[in-house]
Amino acid sequence: MVKKTKVPTAVILDANDKELMAIRKISGEEGNLVIRGKIFGAMPMVAKLTPAEARAALKLLDFKTFLFLLTLLFRR
């Protein structure tokens, strides 16, 4: 019997706590952040975040949200 190792995933939930996207891989390719996963558990998707869009996203953060993101990794 061959055991398959389960690929770690991160799940993004919608407002009703339903699975919106299962992220299977995050990598850097050609200067962009590439996110691979499945939307709604069925549709494969590849999303790319360019450096310009990453800078634009950082501008959306205020100081309180930035601190929340830093502490989020240490919460249960």
PDB file of N, CA and C in Angstrom:
ATOM      1  N   MET A   1       0.841  -1.164   0.000  1.00  0.00           N
ATOM      2  CA  MET A   1       0.000   0.000   0.000  1.00  0.00           C
ATOM      3  C   MET A   1       0.899   1.245   0.000  1.00  0.00           C
ATOM      4  N   VAL A   2       0.657   2.118  -0.948  1.00  0.00           N
ATOM      5  CA  VAL A   2       1.431   3.347  -1.068  1.00  0.00           C
ATOM      6  C   VAL A   2       0.616   4.485  -0.470  1.00  0.00           C
ATOM      7  N   LYS A   3       1.222   5.187   0.495  1.00  0.00           N
ATOM      8  CA  LYS A   3       0.537   6.325   1.098  1.00  0.00           C
ATOM      9  C   LYS A   3       0.867   7.583   0.318  1.00  0.00           C
ATOM     10  N   LYS A   4      -0.157   8.347  -0.007  1.00  0.00           N
ATOM     11  CA  LYS A   4       0.046   9.634  -0.641  1.00  0.00           C
ATOM     12  C   LYS A   4       0.212  10.673   0.455  1.00  0.00           C
ATOM     13  N   THR A   5       1.211  11.513   0.314  1.00  0.00           N
ATOM     14  CA  THR A   5       1.345  12.600   1.272  1.00  0.00           C
ATOM     15  C   THR A   5       0.413  13.721   0.847  1.00  0.00           C
ATOM     16  N   LYS A   6      -0.307  14.250   1.815  1.00  0.00           N
ATOM     17  CA  LYS A   6      -1.262  15.300   1.523  1.00  0.00           C
ATOM     18  C   LYS A   6      -0.524  16.623   1.317  1.00  0.00           C
ATOM     19  N   VAL A   7      -0.864  17.294   0.237  1.00  0.00           N
ATOM     20  CA  VAL A   7      -0.266  18.588  -0.063  1.00  0.00           C
ATOM     21  C   VAL A   7      -0.878  19.620   0.885  1.00  0.00           C
ATOM     22  N   PRO A   8      -0.042  20.402   1.583  1.00  0.00           N
ATOM     23  CA  PRO A   8      -0.611  21.413   2.474  1.00  0.00           C
ATOM     24  C   PRO A   8      -1.342  22.478   1.678  1.00  0.00           C
ATOM     25  N   THR A   9      -2.481  22.904   2.196  1.00  0.00           N
ATOM     26  CA  THR A   9      -3.261  23.937   1.528  1.00  0.00           C
ATOM     27  C   THR A   9      -3.652  25.014   2.531  1.00  0.00           C
ATOM     28  N   ALA A  10      -3.856  26.195   2.019  1.00  0.00           N
ATOM     29  CA  ALA A  10      -4.440  27.292   2.784  1.00  0.00           C
ATOM     30  C   ALA A  10      -5.786  27.579   2.138  1.00  0.00           C
ATOM     31  N   VAL A  11      -6.784  27.816   2.957  1.00  0.00           N
ATOM     32  CA  VAL A  11      -8.131  28.015   2.439  1.00  0.00           C
ATOM     33  C   VAL A  11      -8.564  29.454   2.695  1.00  0.00           C
ATOM     34  N   ILE A  12      -9.115  30.089   1.668  1.00  0.00           N
ATOM     35  CA  ILE A  12      -9.706  31.421   1.796  1.00  0.00           C
ATOM     36  C   ILE A  12     -11.213  31.224   1.843  1.00  0.00           C
ATOM     37  N   LEU A  13     -11.838  31.799   2.870  1.00  0.00           N
ATOM     38  CA  LEU A  13     -13.277  31.633   3.068  1.00  0.00           C
ATOM     39  C   LEU A  13     -14.023  32.895   2.655  1.00  0.00           C
ATOM     40  N   ASP A  14     -15.287  32.719   2.264  1.00  0.00           N
ATOM     41  CA  ASP A  14     -16.115  33.878   1.962  1.00  0.00           C
ATOM     42  C   ASP A  14     -16.796  34.358   3.243  1.00  0.00           C
ATOM     43  N   ALA A  15     -17.696  35.309   3.136  1.00  0.00           N
ATOM     44  CA  ALA A  15     -18.357  35.895   4.306  1.00  0.00           C
ATOM     45  C   ALA A  15     -19.226  34.888   5.060  1.00  0.00           C
ATOM     46  N   ASN A  16     -19.636  33.806   4.389  1.00  0.00           N
ATOM     47  CA  ASN A  16     -20.470  32.779   5.022  1.00  0.00           C
ATOM     48  C   ASN A  16     -19.661  31.565   5.467  1.00  0.00           C
ATOM     49  N   ASP A  17     -18.354  31.716   5.567  1.00  0.00           N
ATOM     50  CA  ASP A  17     -17.439  30.638   5.957  1.00  0.00           C
ATOM     51  C   ASP A  17     -17.476  29.435   5.023  1.00  0.00           C
ATOM     52  N   LYS A  18     -17.760  29.666   3.771  1.00  0.00           N
ATOM     53  CA  LYS A  18     -17.709  28.621   2.743  1.00  0.00           C
ATOM     54  C   LYS A  18     -16.370  28.762   2.013  1.00  0.00           C
ATOM     55  N   GLU A  19     -15.847  27.627   1.548  1.00  0.00           N
ATOM     56  CA  GLU A  19     -14.556  27.658   0.867  1.00  0.00           C
ATOM     57  C   GLU A  19     -14.661  28.409  -0.453  1.00  0.00           C
ATOM     58  N   LEU A  20     -13.857  29.437  -0.570  1.00  0.00           N
ATOM     59  CA  LEU A  20     -13.812  30.223  -1.803  1.00  0.00           C
ATOM     60  C   LEU A  20     -12.652  29.751  -2.672  1.00  0.00           C
ATOM     61  N   MET A  21     -11.482  29.556  -2.029  1.00  0.00           N
ATOM     62  CA  MET A  21     -10.307  29.129  -2.768  1.00  0.00           C
ATOM     63  C   MET A  21      -9.397  28.305  -1.879  1.00  0.00           C
ATOM     64  N   ALA A  22      -8.874  27.226  -2.427  1.00  0.00           N
ATOM     65  CA  ALA A  22      -7.869  26.413  -1.759  1.00  0.00           C
ATOM     66  C   ALA A  22      -6.541  26.681  -2.453  1.00  0.00           C
ATOM     67  N   ILE A  23      -5.611  27.279  -1.713  1.00  0.00           N
ATOM     68  CA  ILE A  23      -4.301  27.620  -2.272  1.00  0.00           C
ATOM     69  C   ILE A  23      -3.375  26.429  -2.076  1.00  0.00           C
ATOM     70  N   ARG A  24      -2.796  25.933  -3.154  1.00  0.00           N
ATOM     71  CA  ARG A  24      -1.912  24.781  -3.086  1.00  0.00           C
ATOM     72  C   ARG A  24      -0.432  25.141  -3.205  1.00  0.00           C
ATOM     73  N   LYS A  25      -0.140  26.262  -3.878  1.00  0.00           N
ATOM     74  CA  LYS A  25       1.259  26.629  -4.062  1.00  0.00           C
ATOM     75  C   LYS A  25       1.384  28.125  -4.274  1.00  0.00           C
ATOM     76  N   ILE A  26       2.388  28.712  -3.629  1.00  0.00           N
ATOM     77  CA  ILE A  26       2.732  30.122  -3.833  1.00  0.00           C
ATOM     78  C   ILE A  26       4.203  30.156  -4.212  1.00  0.00           C
ATOM     79  N   SER A  27       4.511  30.794  -5.329  1.00  0.00           N
ATOM     80  CA  SER A  27       5.904  30.834  -5.775  1.00  0.00           C
ATOM     81  C   SER A  27       6.171  32.146  -6.510  1.00  0.00           C
ATOM     82  N   GLY A  28       7.435  32.422  -6.710  1.00  0.00           N
ATOM     83  CA  GLY A  28       7.843  33.574  -7.501  1.00  0.00           C
ATOM     84  C   GLY A  28       8.268  33.107  -8.881  1.00  0.00           C
ATOM     85  N   GLU A  29       7.677  33.679  -9.899  1.00  0.00           N
ATOM     86  CA  GLU A  29       7.999  33.318 -11.279  1.00  0.00           C
ATOM     87  C   GLU A  29       8.058  34.586 -12.124  1.00  0.00           C
ATOM     88  N   GLU A  30       9.147  34.765 -12.830  1.00  0.00           N
ATOM     89  CA  GLU A  30       9.315  35.888 -13.753  1.00  0.00           C
ATOM     90  C   GLU A  30       9.035  37.233 -13.084  1.00  0.00           C
ATOM     91  N   GLY A  31       9.427  37.384 -11.828  1.00  0.00           N
ATOM     92  CA  GLY A  31       9.253  38.646 -11.131  1.00  0.00           C
ATOM     93  C   GLY A  31       7.872  38.879 -10.546  1.00  0.00           C
ATOM     94  N   ASN A  32       6.982  37.907 -10.645  1.00  0.00           N
ATOM     95  CA  ASN A  32       5.630  38.025 -10.105  1.00  0.00           C
ATOM     96  C   ASN A  32       5.412  36.985  -9.006  1.00  0.00           C
ATOM     97  N   LEU A  33       4.460  37.253  -8.120  1.00  0.00           N
ATOM     98  CA  LEU A  33       4.032  36.261  -7.140  1.00  0.00           C
ATOM     99  C   LEU A  33       2.921  35.452  -7.796  1.00  0.00           C
ATOM    100  N   VAL A  34       3.094  34.135  -7.874  1.00  0.00           N
ATOM    101  CA  VAL A  34       2.121  33.272  -8.545  1.00  0.00           C
ATOM    102  C   VAL A  34       1.453  32.386  -7.504  1.00  0.00           C
ATOM    103  N   ILE A  35       0.118  32.400  -7.493  1.00  0.00           N
ATOM    104  CA  ILE A  35      -0.677  31.614  -6.550  1.00  0.00           C
ATOM    105  C   ILE A  35      -1.460  30.588  -7.358  1.00  0.00           C
ATOM    106  N   ARG A  36      -1.268  29.312  -7.023  1.00  0.00           N
ATOM    107  CA  ARG A  36      -1.970  28.233  -7.715  1.00  0.00           C
ATOM    108  C   ARG A  36      -2.930  27.558  -6.746  1.00  0.00           C
ATOM    109  N   GLY A  37      -4.108  27.238  -7.225  1.00  0.00           N
ATOM    110  CA  GLY A  37      -5.082  26.573  -6.370  1.00  0.00           C
ATOM    111  C   GLY A  37      -6.348  26.247  -7.129  1.00  0.00           C
ATOM    112  N   LYS A  38      -7.425  26.039  -6.348  1.00  0.00           N
ATOM    113  CA  LYS A  38      -8.724  25.740  -6.933  1.00  0.00           C
ATOM    114  C   LYS A  38      -9.765  26.670  -6.338  1.00  0.00           C
ATOM    115  N   ILE A  39     -10.630  27.162  -7.193  1.00  0.00           N
ATOM    116  CA  ILE A  39     -11.736  28.009  -6.757  1.00  0.00           C
ATOM    117  C   ILE A  39     -12.970  27.124  -6.613  1.00  0.00           C
ATOM    118  N   PHE A  40     -13.699  27.301  -5.528  1.00  0.00           N
ATOM    119  CA  PHE A  40     -14.917  26.544  -5.238  1.00  0.00           C
ATOM    120  C   PHE A  40     -14.671  25.040  -5.242  1.00  0.00           C
ATOM    121  N   GLY A  41     -13.438  24.632  -4.979  1.00  0.00           N
ATOM    122  CA  GLY A  41     -13.112  23.213  -4.874  1.00  0.00           C
ATOM    123  C   GLY A  41     -13.033  22.481  -6.196  1.00  0.00           C
ATOM    124  N   ALA A  42     -13.231  23.159  -7.310  1.00  0.00           N
ATOM    125  CA  ALA A  42     -13.275  22.442  -8.580  1.00  0.00           C
ATOM    126  C   ALA A  42     -12.448  23.082  -9.691  1.00  0.00           C
ATOM    127  N   MET A  43     -12.481  24.386  -9.810  1.00  0.00           N
ATOM    128  CA  MET A  43     -11.863  25.061 -10.952  1.00  0.00           C
ATOM    129  C   MET A  43     -10.416  25.432 -10.657  1.00  0.00           C
ATOM    130  N   PRO A  44      -9.459  24.844 -11.371  1.00  0.00           N
ATOM    131  CA  PRO A  44      -8.061  25.228 -11.166  1.00  0.00           C
ATOM    132  C   PRO A  44      -7.837  26.683 -11.577  1.00  0.00           C
ATOM    133  N   MET A  45      -6.957  27.361 -10.831  1.00  0.00           N
ATOM    134  CA  MET A  45      -6.713  28.759 -11.107  1.00  0.00           C
ATOM    135  C   MET A  45      -5.258  29.103 -10.845  1.00  0.00           C
ATOM    136  N   VAL A  46      -4.728  29.999 -11.664  1.00  0.00           N
ATOM    137  CA  VAL A  46      -3.398  30.563 -11.458  1.00  0.00           C
ATOM    138  C   VAL A  46      -3.582  32.075 -11.400  1.00  0.00           C
ATOM    139  N   ALA A  47      -3.207  32.675 -10.265  1.00  0.00           N
ATOM    140  CA  ALA A  47      -3.307  34.123 -10.099  1.00  0.00           C
ATOM    141  C   ALA A  47      -1.898  34.688 -10.012  1.00  0.00           C
ATOM    142  N   LYS A  48      -1.692  35.839 -10.645  1.00  0.00           N
ATOM    143  CA  LYS A  48      -0.373  36.482 -10.626  1.00  0.00           C
ATOM    144  C   LYS A  48      -0.504  37.869 -10.008  1.00  0.00           C
ATOM    145  N   LEU A  49       0.442  38.178  -9.120  1.00  0.00           N
ATOM    146  CA  LEU A  49       0.502  39.489  -8.494  1.00  0.00           C
ATOM    147  C   LEU A  49       1.801  40.148  -8.931  1.00  0.00           C
ATOM    148  N   THR A  50       1.672  41.242  -9.664  1.00  0.00           N
ATOM    149  CA  THR A  50       2.850  41.958 -10.157  1.00  0.00           C
ATOM    150  C   THR A  50       3.400  42.860  -9.054  1.00  0.00           C
ATOM    151  N   PRO A  51       4.645  43.287  -9.162  1.00  0.00           N
ATOM    152  CA  PRO A  51       5.201  44.204  -8.163  1.00  0.00           C
ATOM    153  C   PRO A  51       4.380  45.492  -8.015  1.00  0.00           C
ATOM    154  N   ALA A  52       3.891  46.038  -9.107  1.00  0.00           N
ATOM    155  CA  ALA A  52       3.095  47.265  -9.045  1.00  0.00           C
ATOM    156  C   ALA A  52       1.798  47.042  -8.269  1.00  0.00           C
ATOM    157  N   GLU A  53       1.160  45.908  -8.497  1.00  0.00           N
ATOM    158  CA  GLU A  53      -0.090  45.596  -7.788  1.00  0.00           C
ATOM    159  C   GLU A  53       0.173  45.290  -6.320  1.00  0.00           C
ATOM    160  N   ALA A  54       1.317  44.692  -6.015  1.00  0.00           N
ATOM    161  CA  ALA A  54       1.674  44.437  -4.614  1.00  0.00           C
ATOM    162  C   ALA A  54       1.873  45.765  -3.880  1.00  0.00           C
ATOM    163  N   ARG A  55       2.525  46.724  -4.528  1.00  0.00           N
ATOM    164  CA  ARG A  55       2.695  48.045  -3.912  1.00  0.00           C
ATOM    165  C   ARG A  55       1.344  48.724  -3.715  1.00  0.00           C
ATOM    166  N   ALA A  56       0.447  48.584  -4.684  1.00  0.00           N
ATOM    167  CA  ALA A  56      -0.888  49.172  -4.563  1.00  0.00           C
ATOM    168  C   ALA A  56      -1.656  48.524  -3.406  1.00  0.00           C
ATOM    169  N   ALA A  57      -1.500  47.220  -3.224  1.00  0.00           N
ATOM    170  CA  ALA A  57      -2.172  46.528  -2.123  1.00  0.00           C
ATOM    171  C   ALA A  57      -1.629  46.991  -0.776  1.00  0.00           C
ATOM    172  N   LEU A  58      -0.338  47.216  -0.682  1.00  0.00           N
ATOM    173  CA  LEU A  58       0.250  47.688   0.573  1.00  0.00           C
ATOM    174  C   LEU A  58      -0.269  49.075   0.951  1.00  0.00           C
ATOM    175  N   LYS A  59      -0.595  49.886  -0.037  1.00  0.00           N
ATOM    176  CA  LYS A  59      -1.141  51.216   0.234  1.00  0.00           C
ATOM    177  C   LYS A  59      -2.534  51.144   0.856  1.00  0.00           C
ATOM    178  N   LEU A  60      -3.210  49.998   0.715  1.00  0.00           N
ATOM    179  CA  LEU A  60      -4.542  49.826   1.299  1.00  0.00           C
ATOM    180  C   LEU A  60      -4.483  49.552   2.798  1.00  0.00           C
ATOM    181  N   LEU A  61      -3.307  49.190   3.309  1.00  0.00           N
ATOM    182  CA  LEU A  61      -3.162  48.836   4.718  1.00  0.00           C
ATOM    183  C   LEU A  61      -2.928  50.085   5.562  1.00  0.00           C
ATOM    184  N   ASP A  62      -3.680  50.176   6.667  1.00  0.00           N
ATOM    185  CA  ASP A  62      -3.357  51.193   7.651  1.00  0.00           C
ATOM    186  C   ASP A  62      -2.481  50.555   8.735  1.00  0.00           C
ATOM    187  N   PHE A  63      -2.004  51.345   9.683  1.00  0.00           N
ATOM    188  CA  PHE A  63      -1.073  50.840  10.689  1.00  0.00           C
ATOM    189  C   PHE A  63      -1.709  49.745  11.550  1.00  0.00           C
ATOM    190  N   LYS A  64      -2.969  49.929  11.915  1.00  0.00           N
ATOM    191  CA  LYS A  64      -3.668  48.940  12.757  1.00  0.00           C
ATOM    192  C   LYS A  64      -3.771  47.592  12.038  1.00  0.00           C
ATOM    193  N   THR A  65      -4.105  47.610  10.757  1.00  0.00           N
ATOM    194  CA  THR A  65      -4.211  46.371   9.985  1.00  0.00           C
ATOM    195  C   THR A  65      -2.841  45.732   9.788  1.00  0.00           C
ATOM    196  N   PHE A  66      -1.820  46.547   9.600  1.00  0.00           N
ATOM    197  CA  PHE A  66      -0.459  46.030   9.478  1.00  0.00           C
ATOM    198  C   PHE A  66      -0.052  45.277  10.748  1.00  0.00           C
ATOM    199  N   LEU A  67      -0.331  45.855  11.917  1.00  0.00           N
ATOM    200  CA  LEU A  67      -0.020  45.176  13.179  1.00  0.00           C
ATOM    201  C   LEU A  67      -0.826  43.892  13.333  1.00  0.00           C
ATOM    202  N   PHE A  68      -2.085  43.923  12.909  1.00  0.00           N
ATOM    203  CA  PHE A  68      -2.912  42.720  12.959  1.00  0.00           C
ATOM    204  C   PHE A  68      -2.305  41.609  12.099  1.00  0.00           C
ATOM    205  N   LEU A  69      -1.837  41.949  10.907  1.00  0.00           N
ATOM    206  CA  LEU A  69      -1.216  40.951  10.027  1.00  0.00           C
ATOM    207  C   LEU A  69       0.040  40.346  10.651  1.00  0.00           C
ATOM    208  N   LEU A  70       0.827  41.173  11.325  1.00  0.00           N
ATOM    209  CA  LEU A  70       2.030  40.658  11.983  1.00  0.00           C
ATOM    210  C   LEU A  70       1.693  39.656  13.077  1.00  0.00           C
ATOM    211  N   THR A  71       0.630  39.923  13.835  1.00  0.00           N
ATOM    212  CA  THR A  71       0.269  39.036  14.944  1.00  0.00           C
ATOM    213  C   THR A  71      -0.587  37.859  14.491  1.00  0.00           C
ATOM    214  N   LEU A  72      -1.134  37.917  13.296  1.00  0.00           N
ATOM    215  CA  LEU A  72      -2.011  36.853  12.809  1.00  0.00           C
ATOM    216  C   LEU A  72      -1.308  35.504  12.761  1.00  0.00           C
ATOM    217  N   LEU A  73      -0.034  35.495  12.446  1.00  0.00           N
ATOM    218  CA  LEU A  73       0.711  34.247  12.351  1.00  0.00           C
ATOM    219  C   LEU A  73       0.840  33.526  13.694  1.00  0.00           C
ATOM    220  N   PHE A  74       0.699  34.248  14.783  1.00  0.00           N
ATOM    221  CA  PHE A  74       0.886  33.663  16.110  1.00  0.00           C
ATOM    222  C   PHE A  74      -0.433  33.375  16.823  1.00  0.00           C
ATOM    223  N   ARG A  75      -1.551  33.569  16.151  1.00  0.00           N
ATOM    224  CA  ARG A  75      -2.877  33.303  16.734  1.00  0.00           C
ATOM    225  C   ARG A  75      -3.328  31.902  16.418  1.00  0.00           C
ATOM    226  N   ARG A  76      -4.235  31.402  17.213  1.00  0.00           N
ATOM    227  CA  ARG A  76      -4.801  30.059  16.961  1.00  0.00           C
ATOM    228  C   ARG A  76      -5.997  30.142  16.060  1.00  0.00           C
TER     229      ARG A  76
END
